[in-house]
Amino acid sequence: MSLHITTTWLGNMKFESTNPSGHNLFIDAGPENGGNSEGYRPKALMLSALAGCSGLDVASLIKKMKLEVADFKIEIDANLTEEDPKYYDKVGMHFHFSGSDLNEKKLQRAVDLSVEKYCGVMEMFRQFADLKVETHFHNKST
């Protein structure tokens, strides 16, 4: 499967990038790098792609397994190397599930399937970063 993306310079440090979904996004640098902060930073966008890829896997599995989850979020902490070209050498992913009747075993299975089998973005990250994944359950009484 081949994808085509076109990223067009809009002047200064701002770009618009097409996406096969039809929803375009803007990329821009911060003021410290001559931009106006009118778009995503490229490296941070990679982390959003990682969370989104795995999140879609887990959301799909939550639906298939008919699991009750009130809230689900993914937090990522990443370390950039000091020298150019800077890249992420350490990435921590934290899956947070909240609800009154969480099936922790099945939710952990959903996370494991994404991490070990389904998420292609995660596999890409493994090529250059030490990736640690943790799952957190927040059981709320009704």
Protein backbone atom coordinates (compact mmCIF):
# COMPACT_ATOMS: atom_id res chain seq x y z
CA MET A 1 0.00 0.00 0.00
CA SER A 2 1.40 3.34 -1.01
CA LEU A 3 0.44 6.70 0.47
CA HIS A 4 0.98 10.13 -1.05
CA ILE A 5 1.28 13.22 1.14
CA THR A 6 1.89 16.74 -0.17
CA THR A 7 3.34 19.31 2.22
CA THR A 8 3.24 22.88 0.93
CA TRP A 9 5.18 25.85 2.27
CA LEU A 10 2.86 28.70 3.28
CA GLY A 11 5.63 31.21 3.97
CA ASN A 12 7.88 31.89 6.93
CA MET A 13 8.10 28.56 8.83
CA LYS A 14 4.54 27.32 8.21
CA PHE A 15 3.48 24.34 6.09
CA GLU A 16 0.19 22.65 5.25
CA SER A 17 0.25 18.88 4.85
CA THR A 18 -2.41 16.78 3.12
CA ASN A 19 -3.63 13.56 4.63
CA PRO A 20 -5.38 10.62 2.93
CA SER A 21 -8.33 11.20 5.33
CA GLY A 22 -8.97 14.55 3.68
CA HIS A 23 -8.20 16.45 6.89
CA ASN A 24 -5.15 18.63 6.37
CA LEU A 25 -2.87 19.75 9.16
CA PHE A 26 -0.51 22.64 9.72
CA ILE A 27 3.11 22.39 10.79
CA ASP A 28 4.98 25.38 12.21
CA ALA A 29 7.97 26.20 14.35
CA GLY A 30 7.79 28.05 17.63
CA PRO A 31 8.92 31.68 18.00
CA GLU A 32 12.29 30.46 19.32
CA ASN A 33 12.87 28.94 15.85
CA GLY A 34 11.39 31.75 13.76
CA GLY A 35 7.81 30.47 13.55
CA ASN A 36 4.46 31.65 14.89
CA SER A 37 3.28 28.46 16.66
CA GLU A 38 0.42 28.08 14.16
CA GLY A 39 0.75 24.33 13.76
CA TYR A 40 2.09 21.06 15.07
CA ARG A 41 5.79 20.55 15.76
CA PRO A 42 7.04 17.65 13.61
CA LYS A 43 8.64 15.61 16.40
CA ALA A 44 5.64 16.04 18.75
CA LEU A 45 3.40 14.99 15.87
CA MET A 46 5.28 11.68 15.81
CA LEU A 47 4.29 11.10 19.45
CA SER A 48 0.66 11.92 18.64
CA ALA A 49 0.84 9.42 15.76
CA LEU A 50 2.17 6.77 18.15
CA ALA A 51 -0.61 7.39 20.69
CA GLY A 52 -3.24 7.59 17.95
CA CYS A 53 -2.14 4.37 16.26
CA SER A 54 -2.14 2.36 19.46
CA GLY A 55 -5.26 4.13 20.74
CA LEU A 56 -7.22 3.12 17.64
CA ASP A 57 -6.14 -0.49 18.14
CA VAL A 58 -7.21 -0.49 21.78
CA ALA A 59 -10.50 1.33 21.09
CA SER A 60 -11.34 -1.25 18.42
CA LEU A 61 -10.56 -4.10 20.83
CA ILE A 62 -12.63 -2.45 23.61
CA LYS A 63 -15.56 -2.46 21.18
CA LYS A 64 -14.97 -6.05 20.00
CA MET A 65 -14.56 -7.36 23.56
CA LYS A 66 -17.60 -5.33 24.71
CA LEU A 67 -15.65 -3.85 27.62
CA GLU A 68 -17.01 -1.11 29.88
CA VAL A 69 -14.61 1.84 29.98
CA ALA A 70 -15.65 5.34 31.10
CA ASP A 71 -12.41 7.09 30.10
CA PHE A 72 -9.27 6.08 28.24
CA LYS A 73 -6.21 8.21 27.60
CA ILE A 74 -2.60 7.70 26.61
CA GLU A 75 0.16 9.87 28.04
CA ILE A 76 3.61 9.87 26.48
CA ASP A 77 6.88 11.14 27.91
CA ALA A 78 9.78 11.21 25.49
CA ASN A 79 13.43 12.17 25.74
CA LEU A 80 15.15 13.97 22.87
CA THR A 81 18.87 13.47 22.37
CA GLU A 82 21.12 16.51 22.89
CA GLU A 83 23.03 16.42 19.60
CA ASP A 84 21.73 17.10 16.08
CA PRO A 85 19.93 15.42 14.53
CA LYS A 86 17.87 15.22 17.70
CA TYR A 87 15.65 12.15 17.98
CA TYR A 88 13.67 10.33 20.65
CA ASP A 89 15.91 7.78 22.36
CA LYS A 90 13.56 6.96 25.25
CA VAL A 91 9.77 6.88 25.09
CA GLY A 92 7.36 6.01 27.90
CA MET A 93 3.72 5.26 27.06
CA HIS A 94 1.14 5.22 29.82
CA PHE A 95 -2.31 3.80 29.08
CA HIS A 96 -4.92 5.05 31.58
CA PHE A 97 -8.30 3.36 31.87
CA SER A 98 -11.04 4.65 34.17
CA GLY A 99 -14.38 3.12 35.02
CA SER A 100 -16.50 1.51 37.71
CA ASP A 101 -16.20 -2.07 36.45
CA LEU A 102 -12.92 -2.41 34.55
CA ASN A 103 -11.96 -5.82 33.24
CA GLU A 104 -8.24 -5.31 33.86
CA LYS A 105 -7.19 -8.63 32.36
CA LYS A 106 -8.96 -8.01 29.04
CA LEU A 107 -7.88 -4.36 28.88
CA GLN A 108 -4.27 -5.41 29.45
CA ARG A 109 -4.70 -7.98 26.65
CA ALA A 110 -5.95 -5.19 24.34
CA VAL A 111 -2.90 -3.06 25.15
CA ASP A 112 -0.57 -6.04 24.68
CA LEU A 113 -2.08 -6.87 21.28
CA SER A 114 -1.55 -3.31 20.10
CA VAL A 115 2.00 -3.14 21.48
CA GLU A 116 3.12 -6.58 20.28
CA LYS A 117 1.12 -7.16 17.11
CA TYR A 118 -0.98 -4.40 15.57
CA CYS A 119 0.58 -0.93 15.94
CA GLY A 120 2.90 -0.21 13.02
CA VAL A 121 3.90 3.19 14.38
CA MET A 122 5.08 1.49 17.57
CA GLU A 123 7.18 -0.90 15.49
CA MET A 124 8.76 2.10 13.74
CA PHE A 125 9.57 3.69 17.11
CA ARG A 126 11.23 0.46 18.26
CA GLN A 127 13.81 0.95 15.50
CA PHE A 128 15.29 4.02 17.21
CA ALA A 129 13.93 4.33 20.76
CA ASP A 130 13.85 2.41 24.03
CA LEU A 131 10.09 2.02 24.42
CA LYS A 132 8.45 1.34 27.79
CA VAL A 133 4.71 0.74 28.11
CA GLU A 134 2.70 0.81 31.34
CA THR A 135 -1.01 0.31 31.95
CA HIS A 136 -2.86 2.08 34.77
CA PHE A 137 -6.34 1.21 36.01
CA HIS A 138 -8.45 3.78 37.83
CA ASN A 139 -11.48 2.02 39.30
CA LYS A 140 -14.14 4.50 40.30
CA SER A 141 -17.01 3.46 42.52
CA THR A 142 -20.43 4.47 41.25
